[in-house]
């Protein structure tokens, strides 16, 4: 039996909402999901003006999507890429 980590679960939820989750930073990354403030990834994302959210944000969007039509697709930003750091 494979054990799922919190990071794996967040990646899967983002993908189910038509987003892309990446363990690496690249030019299409639009958000950082950070479990802590001050990490290297957090500092880089902040310096580049990326949106920084908590894992609870992904959970809240996921729970909302269970009852309404929610996706990470947006006409102004067609590719939302989540960079997860936990």
Protein backbone atom coordinates (compact mmCIF):
# COMPACT_ATOMS: atom_id res chain seq x y z
CA UNK A 1 0.00 0.00 0.00
CA UNK A 2 1.36 3.42 -0.97
CA UNK A 3 1.33 6.11 1.71
CA UNK A 4 0.17 9.54 0.56
CA UNK A 5 1.80 12.65 1.95
CA UNK A 6 0.07 15.98 2.45
CA UNK A 7 2.07 17.25 -0.52
CA UNK A 8 0.81 14.39 -2.71
CA UNK A 9 -2.76 15.12 -1.70
CA UNK A 10 -2.38 18.83 -2.49
CA UNK A 11 -0.87 18.01 -5.89
CA UNK A 12 -3.78 15.70 -6.68
CA UNK A 13 -6.42 18.22 -5.62
CA UNK A 14 -4.84 20.96 -7.73
CA UNK A 15 -4.81 18.64 -10.74
CA UNK A 16 -8.45 17.61 -10.19
CA UNK A 17 -9.29 21.34 -10.35
CA UNK A 18 -7.49 21.59 -13.72
CA UNK A 19 -4.38 23.24 -12.31
CA UNK A 20 -0.82 22.01 -12.51
CA UNK A 21 1.30 21.24 -9.47
CA UNK A 22 5.06 21.35 -9.69
CA UNK A 23 7.82 20.50 -7.26
CA UNK A 24 10.17 22.80 -9.20
CA UNK A 25 10.01 26.52 -9.85
CA UNK A 26 9.71 27.60 -13.49
CA UNK A 27 8.39 30.59 -15.43
CA UNK A 28 4.76 29.33 -15.45
CA UNK A 29 4.49 29.09 -11.65
CA UNK A 30 1.75 31.46 -10.49
CA UNK A 31 1.29 30.47 -6.81
CA UNK A 32 3.30 29.02 -3.96
CA UNK A 33 1.54 26.87 -1.41
CA UNK A 34 3.74 27.20 1.66
CA UNK A 35 3.50 25.46 4.99
CA UNK A 36 5.91 27.90 6.60
CA UNK A 37 7.09 31.48 6.24
CA UNK A 38 10.73 32.22 5.48
CA UNK A 39 11.82 29.11 3.57
CA UNK A 40 14.01 29.50 0.48
CA UNK A 41 11.04 28.87 -1.82
CA UNK A 42 8.94 31.37 0.15
CA UNK A 43 11.60 34.08 -0.16
CA UNK A 44 12.03 33.47 -3.92
CA UNK A 45 8.26 33.53 -4.51
CA UNK A 46 7.88 36.74 -2.48
CA UNK A 47 10.75 38.45 -4.32
CA UNK A 48 9.14 37.53 -7.67
CA UNK A 49 5.73 38.78 -6.58
CA UNK A 50 4.08 35.36 -6.71
CA UNK A 51 0.88 34.72 -4.80
CA UNK A 52 1.65 32.77 -1.62
CA UNK A 53 -1.10 30.67 -0.05
CA UNK A 54 -1.38 28.09 2.73
CA UNK A 55 -2.37 24.44 2.27
CA UNK A 56 -5.68 25.40 3.91
CA UNK A 57 -6.40 27.58 0.85
CA UNK A 58 -6.19 24.54 -1.45
CA UNK A 59 -8.49 22.65 0.93
CA UNK A 60 -10.99 25.54 1.01
CA UNK A 61 -11.11 25.76 -2.79
CA UNK A 62 -11.43 21.96 -2.99
CA UNK A 63 -14.32 21.95 -0.51
CA UNK A 64 -16.06 24.78 -2.38
CA UNK A 65 -15.60 22.90 -5.66
CA UNK A 66 -17.54 19.97 -4.21
CA UNK A 67 -20.71 22.10 -4.23
CA UNK A 68 -20.11 24.60 -7.05
CA UNK A 69 -18.20 24.79 -10.29
CA UNK A 70 -14.68 25.91 -9.37
CA UNK A 71 -11.51 25.39 -11.33
CA UNK A 72 -8.08 26.92 -11.46
CA UNK A 73 -8.78 27.97 -15.05
CA UNK A 74 -9.13 31.70 -15.58
CA UNK A 75 -9.40 33.42 -18.97
CA UNK A 76 -6.78 35.98 -18.00
CA UNK A 77 -4.33 33.38 -16.70
CA UNK A 78 -5.03 30.12 -18.51
CA UNK A 79 -2.30 28.17 -16.75
CA UNK A 80 -2.23 28.25 -12.98
CA UNK A 81 0.76 26.39 -11.65
CA UNK A 82 1.02 25.67 -7.96
CA UNK A 83 4.50 25.26 -6.48
CA UNK A 84 4.04 23.27 -3.28
CA UNK A 85 6.55 23.60 -0.46
CA UNK A 86 5.86 21.68 2.74
